Amino acid sequence: YDMPKNVSQNIIFIIMRAQHPVLLTAGKFFVVN
């Protein structure tokens, strides 16, 4: 919130990408957890 606007906009994209975490999958359809 103290950073320049163009920098804080980049942070939004990082947060959006983090909403899709890395999943260990079996056959790319069955999540292993």
All heavy atoms as atom14 arrays in JSON, in Angstrom:
{
  "sequence": "YDMPKNVSQNIIFIIMRAQHPVLLTAGKFFVVN",
  "atom14_mask": [
    [1, 1, 1, 1, 1, 1, 1, 1, 1, 1, 1, 1, 0, 0],
    [1, 1, 1, 1, 1, 1, 1, 1, 0, 0, 0, 0, 0, 0],
    [1, 1, 1, 1, 1, 1, 1, 1, 0, 0, 0, 0, 0, 0],
    [1, 1, 1, 1, 1, 1, 1, 0, 0, 0, 0, 0, 0, 0],
    [1, 1, 1, 1, 1, 1, 1, 1, 1, 0, 0, 0, 0, 0],
    [1, 1, 1, 1, 1, 1, 1, 1, 0, 0, 0, 0, 0, 0],
    [1, 1, 1, 1, 1, 1, 1, 0, 0, 0, 0, 0, 0, 0],
    [1, 1, 1, 1, 1, 1, 0, 0, 0, 0, 0, 0, 0, 0],
    [1, 1, 1, 1, 1, 1, 1, 1, 1, 0, 0, 0, 0, 0],
    [1, 1, 1, 1, 1, 1, 1, 1, 0, 0, 0, 0, 0, 0],
    [1, 1, 1, 1, 1, 1, 1, 1, 0, 0, 0, 0, 0, 0],
    [1, 1, 1, 1, 1, 1, 1, 1, 0, 0, 0, 0, 0, 0],
    [1, 1, 1, 1, 1, 1, 1, 1, 1, 1, 1, 0, 0, 0],
    [1, 1, 1, 1, 1, 1, 1, 1, 0, 0, 0, 0, 0, 0],
    [1, 1, 1, 1, 1, 1, 1, 1, 0, 0, 0, 0, 0, 0],
    [1, 1, 1, 1, 1, 1, 1, 1, 0, 0, 0, 0, 0, 0],
    [1, 1, 1, 1, 1, 1, 1, 1, 1, 1, 1, 0, 0, 0],
    [1, 1, 1, 1, 1, 0, 0, 0, 0, 0, 0, 0, 0, 0],
    [1, 1, 1, 1, 1, 1, 1, 1, 1, 0, 0, 0, 0, 0],
    [1, 1, 1, 1, 1, 1, 1, 1, 1, 1, 0, 0, 0, 0],
    [1, 1, 1, 1, 1, 1, 1, 0, 0, 0, 0, 0, 0, 0],
    [1, 1, 1, 1, 1, 1, 1, 0, 0, 0, 0, 0, 0, 0],
    [1, 1, 1, 1, 1, 1, 1, 1, 0, 0, 0, 0, 0, 0],
    [1, 1, 1, 1, 1, 1, 1, 1, 0, 0, 0, 0, 0, 0],
    [1, 1, 1, 1, 1, 1, 1, 0, 0, 0, 0, 0, 0, 0],
    [1, 1, 1, 1, 1, 0, 0, 0, 0, 0, 0, 0, 0, 0],
    [1, 1, 1, 1, 0, 0, 0, 0, 0, 0, 0, 0, 0, 0],
    [1, 1, 1, 1, 1, 1, 1, 1, 1, 0, 0, 0, 0, 0],
    [1, 1, 1, 1, 1, 1, 1, 1, 1, 1, 1, 0, 0, 0],
    [1, 1, 1, 1, 1, 1, 1, 1, 1, 1, 1, 0, 0, 0],
    [1, 1, 1, 1, 1, 1, 1, 0, 0, 0, 0, 0, 0, 0],
    [1, 1, 1, 1, 1, 1, 1, 0, 0, 0, 0, 0, 0, 0],
    [1, 1, 1, 1, 1, 1, 1, 1, 0, 0, 0, 0, 0, 0]
  ],
  "atom14_positions": [
    [[0.82, -1.21, 0.0], [0.0, 0.0, 0.0], [0.86, 1.27, 0.0], [0.36, 2.37, -0.27], [-0.94, 0.01, 1.21], [-0.29, -0.5, 2.47], [0.51, 0.32, 3.26], [-0.47, -1.83, 2.87], [1.11, -0.17, 4.4], [0.12, -2.31, 4.02], [0.91, -1.49, 4.79], [1.52, -1.97, 5.92], [0.0, 0.0, 0.0], [0.0, 0.0, 0.0]],
    [[2.15, 1.15, 0.33], [3.04, 2.3, 0.29], [3.86, 2.35, -0.99], [4.69, 3.26, -1.16], [4.01, 2.26, 1.49], [3.29, 2.51, 2.8], [2.27, 3.23, 2.77], [3.75, 2.0, 3.84], [0.0, 0.0, 0.0], [0.0, 0.0, 0.0], [0.0, 0.0, 0.0], [0.0, 0.0, 0.0], [0.0, 0.0, 0.0], [0.0, 0.0, 0.0]],
    [[3.65, 1.4, -1.86], [4.45, 1.33, -3.09], [3.79, 2.12, -4.21], [2.58, 2.4, -4.16], [4.62, -0.14, -3.52], [5.37, -0.98, -2.51], [5.49, -2.71, -3.06], [6.26, -3.45, -1.62], [0.0, 0.0, 0.0], [0.0, 0.0, 0.0], [0.0, 0.0, 0.0], [0.0, 0.0, 0.0], [0.0, 0.0, 0.0], [0.0, 0.0, 0.0]],
    [[4.55, 2.46, -5.23], [3.96, 3.15, -6.39], [2.87, 2.3, -7.04], [2.86, 1.07, -6.93], [5.16, 3.34, -7.32], [6.35, 3.28, -6.44], [6.01, 2.35, -5.32], [0.0, 0.0, 0.0], [0.0, 0.0, 0.0], [0.0, 0.0, 0.0], [0.0, 0.0, 0.0], [0.0, 0.0, 0.0], [0.0, 0.0, 0.0], [0.0, 0.0, 0.0]],
    [[1.98, 2.96, -7.76], [0.84, 2.27, -8.33], [1.25, 1.19, -9.32], [0.67, 0.09, -9.34], [-0.07, 3.28, -9.01], [-1.37, 2.68, -9.54], [-2.27, 3.76, -10.13], [-3.57, 3.14, -10.64], [-4.47, 4.17, -11.22], [0.0, 0.0, 0.0], [0.0, 0.0, 0.0], [0.0, 0.0, 0.0], [0.0, 0.0, 0.0], [0.0, 0.0, 0.0]],
    [[2.25, 1.48, -10.17], [2.65, 0.49, -11.17], [3.26, -0.76, -10.52], [3.16, -1.87, -11.04], [3.63, 1.1, -12.15], [4.87, 1.66, -11.47], [4.88, 1.86, -10.25], [5.91, 1.92, -12.24], [0.0, 0.0, 0.0], [0.0, 0.0, 0.0], [0.0, 0.0, 0.0], [0.0, 0.0, 0.0], [0.0, 0.0, 0.0], [0.0, 0.0, 0.0]],
    [[3.9, -0.58, -9.34], [4.48, -1.72, -8.63], [3.37, -2.54, -7.95], [3.36, -3.78, -8.0], [5.5, -1.24, -7.58], [6.02, -2.43, -6.78], [6.65, -0.53, -8.27], [0.0, 0.0, 0.0], [0.0, 0.0, 0.0], [0.0, 0.0, 0.0], [0.0, 0.0, 0.0], [0.0, 0.0, 0.0], [0.0, 0.0, 0.0], [0.0, 0.0, 0.0]],
    [[2.42, -1.87, -7.31], [1.34, -2.58, -6.62], [0.46, -3.35, -7.6], [-0.1, -4.39, -7.25], [0.49, -1.59, -5.82], [-0.07, -0.61, -6.67], [0.0, 0.0, 0.0], [0.0, 0.0, 0.0], [0.0, 0.0, 0.0], [0.0, 0.0, 0.0], [0.0, 0.0, 0.0], [0.0, 0.0, 0.0], [0.0, 0.0, 0.0], [0.0, 0.0, 0.0]],
    [[0.35, -2.87, -8.84], [-0.43, -3.6, -9.85], [0.24, -4.94, -10.19], [-0.44, -5.95, -10.4], [-0.57, -2.76, -11.11], [-1.57, -1.61, -10.97], [-1.64, -0.76, -12.21], [-0.74, -0.79, -13.05], [-2.7, 0.02, -12.34], [0.0, 0.0, 0.0], [0.0, 0.0, 0.0], [0.0, 0.0, 0.0], [0.0, 0.0, 0.0], [0.0, 0.0, 0.0]],
    [[1.56, -4.95, -10.22], [2.27, -6.21, -10.47], [2.03, -7.22, -9.35], [1.95, -8.42, -9.58], [3.77, -5.95, -10.62], [4.09, -5.14, -11.87], [3.35, -5.19, -12.85], [5.18, -4.4, -11.84], [0.0, 0.0, 0.0], [0.0, 0.0, 0.0], [0.0, 0.0, 0.0], [0.0, 0.0, 0.0], [0.0, 0.0, 0.0], [0.0, 0.0, 0.0]],
    [[1.92, -6.7, -8.13], [1.68, -7.57, -6.99], [0.33, -8.27, -7.09], [0.16, -9.42, -6.7], [1.79, -6.76, -5.68], [3.25, -6.35, -5.46], [1.28, -7.56, -4.49], [3.48, -5.54, -4.22], [0.0, 0.0, 0.0], [0.0, 0.0, 0.0], [0.0, 0.0, 0.0], [0.0, 0.0, 0.0], [0.0, 0.0, 0.0], [0.0, 0.0, 0.0]],
    [[-0.65, -7.56, -7.68], [-1.98, -8.16, -7.86], [-1.89, -9.41, -8.74], [-2.5, -10.45, -8.44], [-2.95, -7.14, -8.48], [-3.2, -5.99, -7.5], [-4.27, -7.81, -8.85], [-4.07, -4.89, -8.05], [0.0, 0.0, 0.0], [0.0, 0.0, 0.0], [0.0, 0.0, 0.0], [0.0, 0.0, 0.0], [0.0, 0.0, 0.0], [0.0, 0.0, 0.0]],
    [[-1.08, -9.34, -9.8], [-0.94, -10.5, -10.69], [-0.23, -11.66, -9.98], [-0.55, -12.83, -10.22], [-0.16, -10.1, -11.94], [-0.93, -9.19, -12.86], [-0.6, -7.85, -12.98], [-2.0, -9.68, -13.59], [-1.3, -7.02, -13.83], [-2.72, -8.85, -14.44], [-2.38, -7.51, -14.56], [0.0, 0.0, 0.0], [0.0, 0.0, 0.0], [0.0, 0.0, 0.0]],
    [[0.71, -11.33, -9.1], [1.39, -12.39, -8.33], [0.4, -13.1, -7.41], [0.38, -14.33, -7.32], [2.56, -11.79, -7.52], [3.61, -11.19, -8.46], [3.19, -12.86, -6.64], [4.71, -10.45, -7.73], [0.0, 0.0, 0.0], [0.0, 0.0, 0.0], [0.0, 0.0, 0.0], [0.0, 0.0, 0.0], [0.0, 0.0, 0.0], [0.0, 0.0, 0.0]],
    [[-0.46, -12.32, -6.76], [-1.47, -12.9, -5.87], [-2.46, -13.75, -6.66], [-2.85, -14.85, -6.22], [-2.2, -11.79, -5.09], [-1.22, -11.05, -4.17], [-3.35, -12.37, -4.28], [-1.83, -9.87, -3.45], [0.0, 0.0, 0.0], [0.0, 0.0, 0.0], [0.0, 0.0, 0.0], [0.0, 0.0, 0.0], [0.0, 0.0, 0.0], [0.0, 0.0, 0.0]],
    [[-2.85, -13.28, -7.84], [-3.77, -14.04, -8.68], [-3.15, -15.38, -9.08], [-3.83, -16.41, -9.07], [-4.14, -13.24, -9.93], [-5.02, -12.03, -9.66], [-5.3, -11.03, -11.14], [-6.08, -12.23, -12.22], [0.0, 0.0, 0.0], [0.0, 0.0, 0.0], [0.0, 0.0, 0.0], [0.0, 0.0, 0.0], [0.0, 0.0, 0.0], [0.0, 0.0, 0.0]],
    [[-1.86, -15.38, -9.44], [-1.22, -16.64, -9.83], [-1.1, -17.6, -8.66], [-1.21, -18.82, -8.82], [0.17, -16.35, -10.41], [0.93, -17.6, -10.84], [0.17, -18.35, -11.92], [0.78, -19.62, -12.29], [0.58, -20.76, -11.66], [-0.26, -20.82, -10.62], [1.17, -21.88, -12.07], [0.0, 0.0, 0.0], [0.0, 0.0, 0.0], [0.0, 0.0, 0.0]],
    [[-0.9, -17.04, -7.46], [-0.78, -17.88, -6.27], [-2.09, -18.55, -5.89], [-2.09, -19.51, -5.11], [-0.25, -17.06, -5.1], [0.0, 0.0, 0.0], [0.0, 0.0, 0.0], [0.0, 0.0, 0.0], [0.0, 0.0, 0.0], [0.0, 0.0, 0.0], [0.0, 0.0, 0.0], [0.0, 0.0, 0.0], [0.0, 0.0, 0.0], [0.0, 0.0, 0.0]],
    [[-3.22, -18.05, -6.43], [-4.51, -18.68, -6.15], [-4.65, -20.03, -6.85], [-5.59, -20.78, -6.57], [-5.64, -17.75, -6.58], [-5.65, -16.41, -5.87], [-5.65, -16.54, -4.37], [-6.48, -17.25, -3.8], [-4.73, -15.84, -3.72], [0.0, 0.0, 0.0], [0.0, 0.0, 0.0], [0.0, 0.0, 0.0], [0.0, 0.0, 0.0], [0.0, 0.0, 0.0]],
    [[-3.73, -20.34, -7.75], [-3.72, -21.63, -8.44], [-2.42, -22.35, -8.06], [-1.44, -22.31, -8.78], [-3.8, -21.44, -9.96], [-5.03, -20.71, -10.41], [-6.25, -21.33, -10.55], [-5.23, -19.4, -10.71], [-7.15, -20.45, -10.94], [-6.56, -19.26, -11.05], [0.0, 0.0, 0.0], [0.0, 0.0, 0.0], [0.0, 0.0, 0.0], [0.0, 0.0, 0.0]],
    [[-2.41, -22.99, -6.91], [-1.18, -23.6, -6.4], [-0.74, -24.8, -7.23], [-1.51, -25.35, -8.02], [-1.55, -24.02, -4.97], [-3.03, -24.26, -5.04], [-3.55, -23.26, -6.01], [0.0, 0.0, 0.0], [0.0, 0.0, 0.0], [0.0, 0.0, 0.0], [0.0, 0.0, 0.0], [0.0, 0.0, 0.0], [0.0, 0.0, 0.0], [0.0, 0.0, 0.0]],
    [[0.5, -25.22, -7.0], [1.03, -26.41, -7.65], [0.41, -27.64, -7.0], [0.4, -27.77, -5.78], [2.56, -26.46, -7.53], [3.1, -27.76, -8.12], [3.19, -25.25, -8.23], [0.0, 0.0, 0.0], [0.0, 0.0, 0.0], [0.0, 0.0, 0.0], [0.0, 0.0, 0.0], [0.0, 0.0, 0.0], [0.0, 0.0, 0.0], [0.0, 0.0, 0.0]],
    [[-0.12, -28.52, -7.83], [-0.76, -29.74, -7.34], [-0.01, -30.95, -7.88], [0.27, -31.03, -9.07], [-2.23, -29.8, -7.77], [-3.14, -28.66, -7.29], [-4.53, -28.8, -7.9], [-3.22, -28.63, -5.78], [0.0, 0.0, 0.0], [0.0, 0.0, 0.0], [0.0, 0.0, 0.0], [0.0, 0.0, 0.0], [0.0, 0.0, 0.0], [0.0, 0.0, 0.0]],
    [[0.3, -31.87, -6.99], [0.89, -33.15, -7.4], [-0.26, -34.03, -7.87], [-1.17, -34.34, -7.11], [1.62, -33.79, -6.23], [2.47, -35.02, -6.53], [3.61, -34.67, -7.47], [3.03, -35.61, -5.24], [0.0, 0.0, 0.0], [0.0, 0.0, 0.0], [0.0, 0.0, 0.0], [0.0, 0.0, 0.0], [0.0, 0.0, 0.0], [0.0, 0.0, 0.0]],
    [[-0.22, -34.43, -9.14], [-1.35, -35.15, -9.72], [-0.93, -36.51, -10.24], [0.22, -36.72, -10.63], [-1.97, -34.35, -10.87], [-0.98, -34.09, -11.88], [-2.53, -33.03, -10.37], [0.0, 0.0, 0.0], [0.0, 0.0, 0.0], [0.0, 0.0, 0.0], [0.0, 0.0, 0.0], [0.0, 0.0, 0.0], [0.0, 0.0, 0.0], [0.0, 0.0, 0.0]],
    [[-1.88, -37.42, -10.23], [-1.7, -38.75, -10.82], [-2.45, -38.76, -12.14], [-3.68, -38.67, -12.16], [-2.23, -39.83, -9.88], [0.0, 0.0, 0.0], [0.0, 0.0, 0.0], [0.0, 0.0, 0.0], [0.0, 0.0, 0.0], [0.0, 0.0, 0.0], [0.0, 0.0, 0.0], [0.0, 0.0, 0.0], [0.0, 0.0, 0.0], [0.0, 0.0, 0.0]],
    [[-1.71, -38.88, -13.24], [-2.34, -38.85, -14.55], [-2.93, -37.5, -14.91], [-3.79, -37.41, -15.8], [0.0, 0.0, 0.0], [0.0, 0.0, 0.0], [0.0, 0.0, 0.0], [0.0, 0.0, 0.0], [0.0, 0.0, 0.0], [0.0, 0.0, 0.0], [0.0, 0.0, 0.0], [0.0, 0.0, 0.0], [0.0, 0.0, 0.0], [0.0, 0.0, 0.0]],
    [[-2.55, -36.45, -14.22], [-2.99, -35.08, -14.47], [-4.5, -34.87, -14.24], [-5.07, -33.89, -14.71], [-2.64, -34.66, -15.91], [-1.15, -34.64, -16.18], [-0.84, -34.12, -17.56], [0.66, -34.07, -17.81], [1.01, -33.57, -19.14], [0.0, 0.0, 0.0], [0.0, 0.0, 0.0], [0.0, 0.0, 0.0], [0.0, 0.0, 0.0], [0.0, 0.0, 0.0]],
    [[-5.11, -35.78, -13.5], [-6.54, -35.6, -13.2], [-6.88, -35.94, -11.76], [-7.93, -35.55, -11.27], [-7.4, -36.46, -14.14], [-7.17, -37.93, -14.03], [-7.85, -38.7, -13.1], [-6.24, -38.55, -14.87], [-7.62, -40.06, -13.01], [-6.02, -39.91, -14.78], [-6.71, -40.67, -13.85], [0.0, 0.0, 0.0], [0.0, 0.0, 0.0], [0.0, 0.0, 0.0]],
    [[-5.98, -36.66, -11.04], [-6.26, -37.07, -9.67], [-5.23, -36.43, -8.75], [-4.05, -36.74, -8.83], [-6.19, -38.61, -9.59], [-6.81, -39.17, -8.34], [-8.18, -39.27, -8.21], [-6.01, -39.61, -7.29], [-8.75, -39.8, -7.07], [-6.57, -40.13, -6.15], [-7.95, -40.23, -6.04], [0.0, 0.0, 0.0], [0.0, 0.0, 0.0], [0.0, 0.0, 0.0]],
    [[-5.69, -35.51, -7.92], [-4.79, -34.76, -7.04], [-4.32, -35.64, -5.89], [-5.13, -36.35, -5.27], [-5.49, -33.5, -6.5], [-4.56, -32.74, -5.56], [-5.94, -32.61, -7.64], [0.0, 0.0, 0.0], [0.0, 0.0, 0.0], [0.0, 0.0, 0.0], [0.0, 0.0, 0.0], [0.0, 0.0, 0.0], [0.0, 0.0, 0.0], [0.0, 0.0, 0.0]],
    [[-3.02, -35.61, -5.63], [-2.44, -36.41, -4.55], [-2.16, -35.5, -3.37], [-1.26, -34.65, -3.42], [-1.14, -37.11, -5.01], [-0.54, -37.93, -3.88], [-1.4, -37.99, -6.22], [0.0, 0.0, 0.0], [0.0, 0.0, 0.0], [0.0, 0.0, 0.0], [0.0, 0.0, 0.0], [0.0, 0.0, 0.0], [0.0, 0.0, 0.0], [0.0, 0.0, 0.0]],
    [[-2.92, -35.63, -2.31], [-2.72, -34.86, -1.09], [-3.25, -35.69, 0.08], [-3.55, -36.88, -0.06], [-3.41, -33.49, -1.17], [-4.86, -33.61, -1.59], [-5.51, -34.64, -1.39], [-5.4, -32.55, -2.18], [0.0, 0.0, 0.0], [0.0, 0.0, 0.0], [0.0, 0.0, 0.0], [0.0, 0.0, 0.0], [0.0, 0.0, 0.0], [0.0, 0.0, 0.0]]
  ]
}
